[in-house]
């Protein structure tokens, strides 16, 4: 089972792998709103930020109504947090238990919802067939399989109420659907990791 320490280390590593680009543009509040490794940076148009940019940055060009400014050198030692802001290593929210627990909780809930959705067709279609293993001939679900499926779906719904959530074990797949459901989970993991 994954621990909070492991999640914090993973999230911090991800943030540290995203240093700010070389150039940036700040808005009128001082927040970094655009960044690039090129000195020419596009900022979305709004009056307050355009007025601020006109005072603090050199307008390079206007193309199709978009303004491109010469950015300033980005402050050294900033990294992109999952919250969309930039911080020094010690100030990253990824260093805090609360931020990491909330982020991980949201990820687990999203995966939980996906796993429930993975089973929807098996509930809705009475004549659906399943492949119980790789290359196996498809076969119909039996009553016992459907009962096990409903138990699994309920366990997924109850997951956020389990003690220690989000650091909990996933309920086991129903036996008859284990192969197909594992394929769906694997496909999502590959997509998240940039695979095919």
C-alpha atoms as a PDB file:
ATOM      1  CA  UNK A   1       0.000   0.000   0.000  1.00  0.00           C
ATOM      2  CA  UNK A   2       1.235   3.504  -0.849  1.00  0.00           C
ATOM      3  CA  UNK A   3       2.221   5.763   2.063  1.00  0.00           C
ATOM      4  CA  UNK A   4       2.079   9.524   2.531  1.00  0.00           C
ATOM      5  CA  UNK A   5       5.893   9.659   2.607  1.00  0.00           C
ATOM      6  CA  UNK A   6       6.067   7.903  -0.775  1.00  0.00           C
ATOM      7  CA  UNK A   7       3.474  10.254  -2.284  1.00  0.00           C
ATOM      8  CA  UNK A   8       5.253  13.341  -0.949  1.00  0.00           C
ATOM      9  CA  UNK A   9       8.560  12.120  -2.389  1.00  0.00           C
ATOM     10  CA  UNK A  10       6.930  11.404  -5.763  1.00  0.00           C
ATOM     11  CA  UNK A  11       5.125  14.754  -5.970  1.00  0.00           C
ATOM     12  CA  UNK A  12       8.220  16.682  -4.859  1.00  0.00           C
ATOM     13  CA  UNK A  13      10.331  14.869  -7.445  1.00  0.00           C
ATOM     14  CA  UNK A  14       7.800  15.753 -10.156  1.00  0.00           C
ATOM     15  CA  UNK A  15       7.829  19.432  -9.133  1.00  0.00           C
ATOM     16  CA  UNK A  16      11.626  19.558  -9.019  1.00  0.00           C
ATOM     17  CA  UNK A  17      11.703  18.181 -12.573  1.00  0.00           C
ATOM     18  CA  UNK A  18       9.782  21.293 -13.711  1.00  0.00           C
ATOM     19  CA  UNK A  19      12.054  24.310 -13.222  1.00  0.00           C
ATOM     20  CA  UNK A  20      10.683  27.576 -14.496  1.00  0.00           C
ATOM     21  CA  UNK A  21      11.561  28.450 -18.072  1.00  0.00           C
ATOM     22  CA  UNK A  22      14.243  31.074 -18.755  1.00  0.00           C
ATOM     23  CA  UNK A  23      11.889  34.032 -19.355  1.00  0.00           C
ATOM     24  CA  UNK A  24       8.620  35.056 -17.755  1.00  0.00           C
ATOM     25  CA  UNK A  25       5.927  37.705 -17.651  1.00  0.00           C
ATOM     26  CA  UNK A  26       4.212  38.745 -14.425  1.00  0.00           C
ATOM     27  CA  UNK A  27       0.729  40.184 -14.083  1.00  0.00           C
ATOM     28  CA  UNK A  28      -0.220  43.309 -12.142  1.00  0.00           C
ATOM     29  CA  UNK A  29      -0.318  41.287  -8.897  1.00  0.00           C
ATOM     30  CA  UNK A  30       3.254  40.029  -9.396  1.00  0.00           C
ATOM     31  CA  UNK A  31       2.132  36.486 -10.187  1.00  0.00           C
ATOM     32  CA  UNK A  32       3.951  34.736 -13.038  1.00  0.00           C
ATOM     33  CA  UNK A  33       1.350  34.269 -15.772  1.00  0.00           C
ATOM     34  CA  UNK A  34       3.462  33.246 -18.760  1.00  0.00           C
ATOM     35  CA  UNK A  35       6.864  31.746 -19.274  1.00  0.00           C
ATOM     36  CA  UNK A  36       9.005  30.531 -22.141  1.00  0.00           C
ATOM     37  CA  UNK A  37      12.529  29.536 -23.046  1.00  0.00           C
ATOM     38  CA  UNK A  38      12.267  32.181 -25.777  1.00  0.00           C
ATOM     39  CA  UNK A  39      12.485  35.840 -24.735  1.00  0.00           C
ATOM     40  CA  UNK A  40       9.245  36.555 -26.624  1.00  0.00           C
ATOM     41  CA  UNK A  41       6.269  35.603 -24.464  1.00  0.00           C
ATOM     42  CA  UNK A  42       2.544  35.718 -25.241  1.00  0.00           C
ATOM     43  CA  UNK A  43       0.184  36.772 -22.481  1.00  0.00           C
ATOM     44  CA  UNK A  44      -3.593  36.454 -22.741  1.00  0.00           C
ATOM     45  CA  UNK A  45      -5.193  39.831 -23.177  1.00  0.00           C
ATOM     46  CA  UNK A  46      -7.070  41.605 -20.401  1.00  0.00           C
ATOM     47  CA  UNK A  47      -7.019  45.289 -19.562  1.00  0.00           C
ATOM     48  CA  UNK A  48      -5.328  45.182 -16.169  1.00  0.00           C
ATOM     49  CA  UNK A  49      -2.511  42.911 -17.273  1.00  0.00           C
ATOM     50  CA  UNK A  50      -2.063  44.675 -20.621  1.00  0.00           C
ATOM     51  CA  UNK A  51      -1.717  48.002 -18.807  1.00  0.00           C
ATOM     52  CA  UNK A  52       0.809  46.477 -16.392  1.00  0.00           C
ATOM     53  CA  UNK A  53       2.741  44.830 -19.232  1.00  0.00           C
ATOM     54  CA  UNK A  54       2.818  48.118 -21.193  1.00  0.00           C
ATOM     55  CA  UNK A  55       4.543  49.762 -18.214  1.00  0.00           C
ATOM     56  CA  UNK A  56       6.978  46.955 -17.429  1.00  0.00           C
ATOM     57  CA  UNK A  57       7.684  45.039 -20.637  1.00  0.00           C
ATOM     58  CA  UNK A  58       8.597  45.864 -24.204  1.00  0.00           C
ATOM     59  CA  UNK A  59       5.922  44.962 -26.765  1.00  0.00           C
ATOM     60  CA  UNK A  60       7.587  42.875 -29.454  1.00  0.00           C
ATOM     61  CA  UNK A  61       4.658  42.440 -31.840  1.00  0.00           C
ATOM     62  CA  UNK A  62       0.904  42.059 -32.184  1.00  0.00           C
ATOM     63  CA  UNK A  63      -0.162  39.103 -34.270  1.00  0.00           C
ATOM     64  CA  UNK A  64      -3.833  38.250 -34.872  1.00  0.00           C
ATOM     65  CA  UNK A  65      -4.761  40.375 -31.875  1.00  0.00           C
ATOM     66  CA  UNK A  66      -2.323  38.585 -29.560  1.00  0.00           C
ATOM     67  CA  UNK A  67       0.376  40.629 -27.872  1.00  0.00           C
ATOM     68  CA  UNK A  68       3.884  39.246 -27.606  1.00  0.00           C
ATOM     69  CA  UNK A  69       6.152  40.849 -25.031  1.00  0.00           C
ATOM     70  CA  UNK A  70       9.848  40.568 -24.336  1.00  0.00           C
ATOM     71  CA  UNK A  71       9.879  38.727 -21.040  1.00  0.00           C
ATOM     72  CA  UNK A  72      12.217  39.250 -18.153  1.00  0.00           C
ATOM     73  CA  UNK A  73      14.693  36.671 -16.909  1.00  0.00           C
ATOM     74  CA  UNK A  74      12.863  34.330 -14.579  1.00  0.00           C
ATOM     75  CA  UNK A  75      13.855  34.328 -10.924  1.00  0.00           C
ATOM     76  CA  UNK A  76      16.376  31.571 -10.246  1.00  0.00           C
ATOM     77  CA  UNK A  77      15.453  28.463  -8.311  1.00  0.00           C
ATOM     78  CA  UNK A  78      11.704  28.358  -8.965  1.00  0.00           C
ATOM     79  CA  UNK A  79       9.801  25.171  -9.726  1.00  0.00           C
ATOM     80  CA  UNK A  80       6.278  24.542 -11.002  1.00  0.00           C
ATOM     81  CA  UNK A  81       3.925  23.119  -8.415  1.00  0.00           C
ATOM     82  CA  UNK A  82       0.898  21.039  -9.325  1.00  0.00           C
ATOM     83  CA  UNK A  83      -1.157  24.066  -8.197  1.00  0.00           C
ATOM     84  CA  UNK A  84       0.120  26.028 -11.237  1.00  0.00           C
ATOM     85  CA  UNK A  85       2.291  28.441  -9.259  1.00  0.00           C
ATOM     86  CA  UNK A  86       6.067  28.687  -8.883  1.00  0.00           C
ATOM     87  CA  UNK A  87       7.991  28.262  -5.663  1.00  0.00           C
ATOM     88  CA  UNK A  88      11.473  27.698  -4.329  1.00  0.00           C
ATOM     89  CA  UNK A  89      12.192  24.091  -3.389  1.00  0.00           C
ATOM     90  CA  UNK A  90      11.484  24.658   0.303  1.00  0.00           C
ATOM     91  CA  UNK A  91       8.269  26.606  -0.356  1.00  0.00           C
ATOM     92  CA  UNK A  92       6.695  24.031  -2.702  1.00  0.00           C
ATOM     93  CA  UNK A  93       3.301  22.887  -1.407  1.00  0.00           C
ATOM     94  CA  UNK A  94       4.456  19.381  -2.324  1.00  0.00           C
ATOM     95  CA  UNK A  95       6.441  19.516   0.933  1.00  0.00           C
ATOM     96  CA  UNK A  96       3.262  19.602   3.022  1.00  0.00           C
ATOM     97  CA  UNK A  97       1.165  16.671   4.185  1.00  0.00           C
ATOM     98  CA  UNK A  98      -2.155  18.457   3.603  1.00  0.00           C
ATOM     99  CA  UNK A  99      -1.438  19.389  -0.033  1.00  0.00           C
ATOM    100  CA  UNK A 100      -0.148  15.927  -0.911  1.00  0.00           C
ATOM    101  CA  UNK A 101      -2.966  14.112   0.876  1.00  0.00           C
ATOM    102  CA  UNK A 102      -5.632  16.225  -0.856  1.00  0.00           C
ATOM    103  CA  UNK A 103      -4.012  15.784  -4.272  1.00  0.00           C
ATOM    104  CA  UNK A 104      -3.624  12.029  -3.790  1.00  0.00           C
ATOM    105  CA  UNK A 105      -7.183  11.764  -2.478  1.00  0.00           C
ATOM    106  CA  UNK A 106      -8.461  13.438  -5.657  1.00  0.00           C
ATOM    107  CA  UNK A 107      -6.416  11.043  -7.796  1.00  0.00           C
ATOM    108  CA  UNK A 108      -7.742   8.014  -5.920  1.00  0.00           C
ATOM    109  CA  UNK A 109     -11.336   9.271  -6.213  1.00  0.00           C
ATOM    110  CA  UNK A 110     -10.885   9.816  -9.954  1.00  0.00           C
ATOM    111  CA  UNK A 111      -9.506   6.291 -10.374  1.00  0.00           C
ATOM    112  CA  UNK A 112     -12.289   4.935  -8.173  1.00  0.00           C
ATOM    113  CA  UNK A 113     -14.871   6.600 -10.430  1.00  0.00           C
ATOM    114  CA  UNK A 114     -13.127   5.209 -13.508  1.00  0.00           C
ATOM    115  CA  UNK A 115     -13.171   1.710 -12.021  1.00  0.00           C
ATOM    116  CA  UNK A 116     -16.896   1.987 -11.345  1.00  0.00           C
ATOM    117  CA  UNK A 117     -17.405   3.155 -14.941  1.00  0.00           C
ATOM    118  CA  UNK A 118     -15.317   0.212 -16.148  1.00  0.00           C
ATOM    119  CA  UNK A 119     -18.028  -2.088 -14.797  1.00  0.00           C
ATOM    120  CA  UNK A 120     -21.104  -0.220 -16.050  1.00  0.00           C
ATOM    121  CA  UNK A 121     -21.605  -2.305 -19.201  1.00  0.00           C
ATOM    122  CA  UNK A 122     -21.441  -5.533 -17.225  1.00  0.00           C
ATOM    123  CA  UNK A 123     -24.368  -4.291 -15.145  1.00  0.00           C
ATOM    124  CA  UNK A 124     -26.433  -2.739 -17.948  1.00  0.00           C
ATOM    125  CA  UNK A 125     -26.114  -5.457 -20.568  1.00  0.00           C
ATOM    126  CA  UNK A 126     -27.632  -8.750 -19.395  1.00  0.00           C
ATOM    127  CA  UNK A 127     -26.146 -10.768 -22.246  1.00  0.00           C
ATOM    128  CA  UNK A 128     -22.607  -9.358 -22.125  1.00  0.00           C
ATOM    129  CA  UNK A 129     -19.774 -11.865 -22.391  1.00  0.00           C
ATOM    130  CA  UNK A 130     -16.294 -11.674 -20.913  1.00  0.00           C
ATOM    131  CA  UNK A 131     -12.834 -12.976 -21.647  1.00  0.00           C
ATOM    132  CA  UNK A 132     -11.689 -14.506 -18.376  1.00  0.00           C
ATOM    133  CA  UNK A 133      -8.046 -14.615 -19.451  1.00  0.00           C
ATOM    134  CA  UNK A 134      -5.850 -13.618 -22.376  1.00  0.00           C
ATOM    135  CA  UNK A 135      -6.994 -15.383 -25.537  1.00  0.00           C
ATOM    136  CA  UNK A 136      -9.852 -17.135 -23.765  1.00  0.00           C
ATOM    137  CA  UNK A 137     -13.166 -17.676 -25.521  1.00  0.00           C
ATOM    138  CA  UNK A 138     -15.756 -15.189 -24.295  1.00  0.00           C
ATOM    139  CA  UNK A 139     -18.409 -16.530 -21.945  1.00  0.00           C
ATOM    140  CA  UNK A 140     -21.535 -15.200 -20.261  1.00  0.00           C
ATOM    141  CA  UNK A 141     -21.585 -13.952 -16.699  1.00  0.00           C
ATOM    142  CA  UNK A 142     -23.330 -16.225 -14.215  1.00  0.00           C
ATOM    143  CA  UNK A 143     -25.496 -15.084 -11.298  1.00  0.00           C
ATOM    144  CA  UNK A 144     -22.612 -15.578  -8.865  1.00  0.00           C
ATOM    145  CA  UNK A 145     -20.418 -13.398 -11.106  1.00  0.00           C
ATOM    146  CA  UNK A 146     -23.029 -10.638 -11.090  1.00  0.00           C
ATOM    147  CA  UNK A 147     -23.324 -10.811  -7.306  1.00  0.00           C
ATOM    148  CA  UNK A 148     -19.545 -10.522  -6.982  1.00  0.00           C
ATOM    149  CA  UNK A 149     -19.627  -7.581  -9.406  1.00  0.00           C
ATOM    150  CA  UNK A 150     -22.218  -5.712  -7.307  1.00  0.00           C
ATOM    151  CA  UNK A 151     -20.147  -6.348  -4.170  1.00  0.00           C
ATOM    152  CA  UNK A 152     -17.082  -4.938  -5.938  1.00  0.00           C
ATOM    153  CA  UNK A 153     -18.946  -1.847  -7.133  1.00  0.00           C
ATOM    154  CA  UNK A 154     -20.236  -1.178  -3.617  1.00  0.00           C
ATOM    155  CA  UNK A 155     -16.732  -1.572  -2.176  1.00  0.00           C
ATOM    156  CA  UNK A 156     -15.525   1.051  -4.656  1.00  0.00           C
ATOM    157  CA  UNK A 157     -18.326   3.419  -3.653  1.00  0.00           C
ATOM    158  CA  UNK A 158     -17.411   2.948   0.022  1.00  0.00           C
ATOM    159  CA  UNK A 159     -13.673   3.462  -0.527  1.00  0.00           C
ATOM    160  CA  UNK A 160     -13.550   7.151   0.571  1.00  0.00           C
ATOM    161  CA  UNK A 161     -15.138   6.218   3.911  1.00  0.00           C
ATOM    162  CA  UNK A 162     -12.518   3.572   4.731  1.00  0.00           C
ATOM    163  CA  UNK A 163     -10.185   4.285   7.617  1.00  0.00           C
ATOM    164  CA  UNK A 164      -6.906   5.747   6.369  1.00  0.00           C
ATOM    165  CA  UNK A 165      -8.315   6.940   3.030  1.00  0.00           C
ATOM    166  CA  UNK A 166      -6.730   7.728   0.578  1.00  0.00           C
ATOM    167  CA  UNK A 167      -4.014   5.284   1.677  1.00  0.00           C
ATOM    168  CA  UNK A 168      -6.114   2.151   1.293  1.00  0.00           C
ATOM    169  CA  UNK A 169      -6.075  -1.059  -0.699  1.00  0.00           C
ATOM    170  CA  UNK A 170      -8.181  -1.358  -3.834  1.00  0.00           C
ATOM    171  CA  UNK A 171     -10.929  -3.971  -3.599  1.00  0.00           C
ATOM    172  CA  UNK A 172     -10.116  -7.113  -5.536  1.00  0.00           C
ATOM    173  CA  UNK A 173     -11.635  -7.435  -8.988  1.00  0.00           C
ATOM    174  CA  UNK A 174     -14.502  -9.889  -9.383  1.00  0.00           C
ATOM    175  CA  UNK A 175     -12.946 -13.192 -10.439  1.00  0.00           C
ATOM    176  CA  UNK A 176     -14.772 -13.476 -13.779  1.00  0.00           C
ATOM    177  CA  UNK A 177     -13.875  -9.887 -14.738  1.00  0.00           C
ATOM    178  CA  UNK A 178     -10.379  -9.656 -13.291  1.00  0.00           C
ATOM    179  CA  UNK A 179      -8.608  -9.985 -16.647  1.00  0.00           C
ATOM    180  CA  UNK A 180     -10.728  -7.413 -18.499  1.00  0.00           C
ATOM    181  CA  UNK A 181     -10.802  -4.912 -15.633  1.00  0.00           C
ATOM    182  CA  UNK A 182      -7.040  -5.151 -15.145  1.00  0.00           C
ATOM    183  CA  UNK A 183      -6.593  -4.369 -18.857  1.00  0.00           C
ATOM    184  CA  UNK A 184      -8.633  -1.177 -18.412  1.00  0.00           C
ATOM    185  CA  UNK A 185      -6.601  -0.108 -15.372  1.00  0.00           C
ATOM    186  CA  UNK A 186      -3.357  -0.820 -17.241  1.00  0.00           C
ATOM    187  CA  UNK A 187      -4.535   1.234 -20.239  1.00  0.00           C
ATOM    188  CA  UNK A 188      -5.204   4.260 -17.996  1.00  0.00           C
ATOM    189  CA  UNK A 189      -1.807   3.927 -16.326  1.00  0.00           C
ATOM    190  CA  UNK A 190      -0.092   3.780 -19.713  1.00  0.00           C
ATOM    191  CA  UNK A 191      -1.934   6.910 -20.861  1.00  0.00           C
ATOM    192  CA  UNK A 192      -0.890   8.785 -17.707  1.00  0.00           C
ATOM    193  CA  UNK A 193       2.721   7.776 -18.262  1.00  0.00           C
ATOM    194  CA  UNK A 194       2.624   8.866 -21.906  1.00  0.00           C
ATOM    195  CA  UNK A 195       2.446   5.363 -23.320  1.00  0.00           C
ATOM    196  CA  UNK A 196       0.205   3.970 -25.988  1.00  0.00           C
END
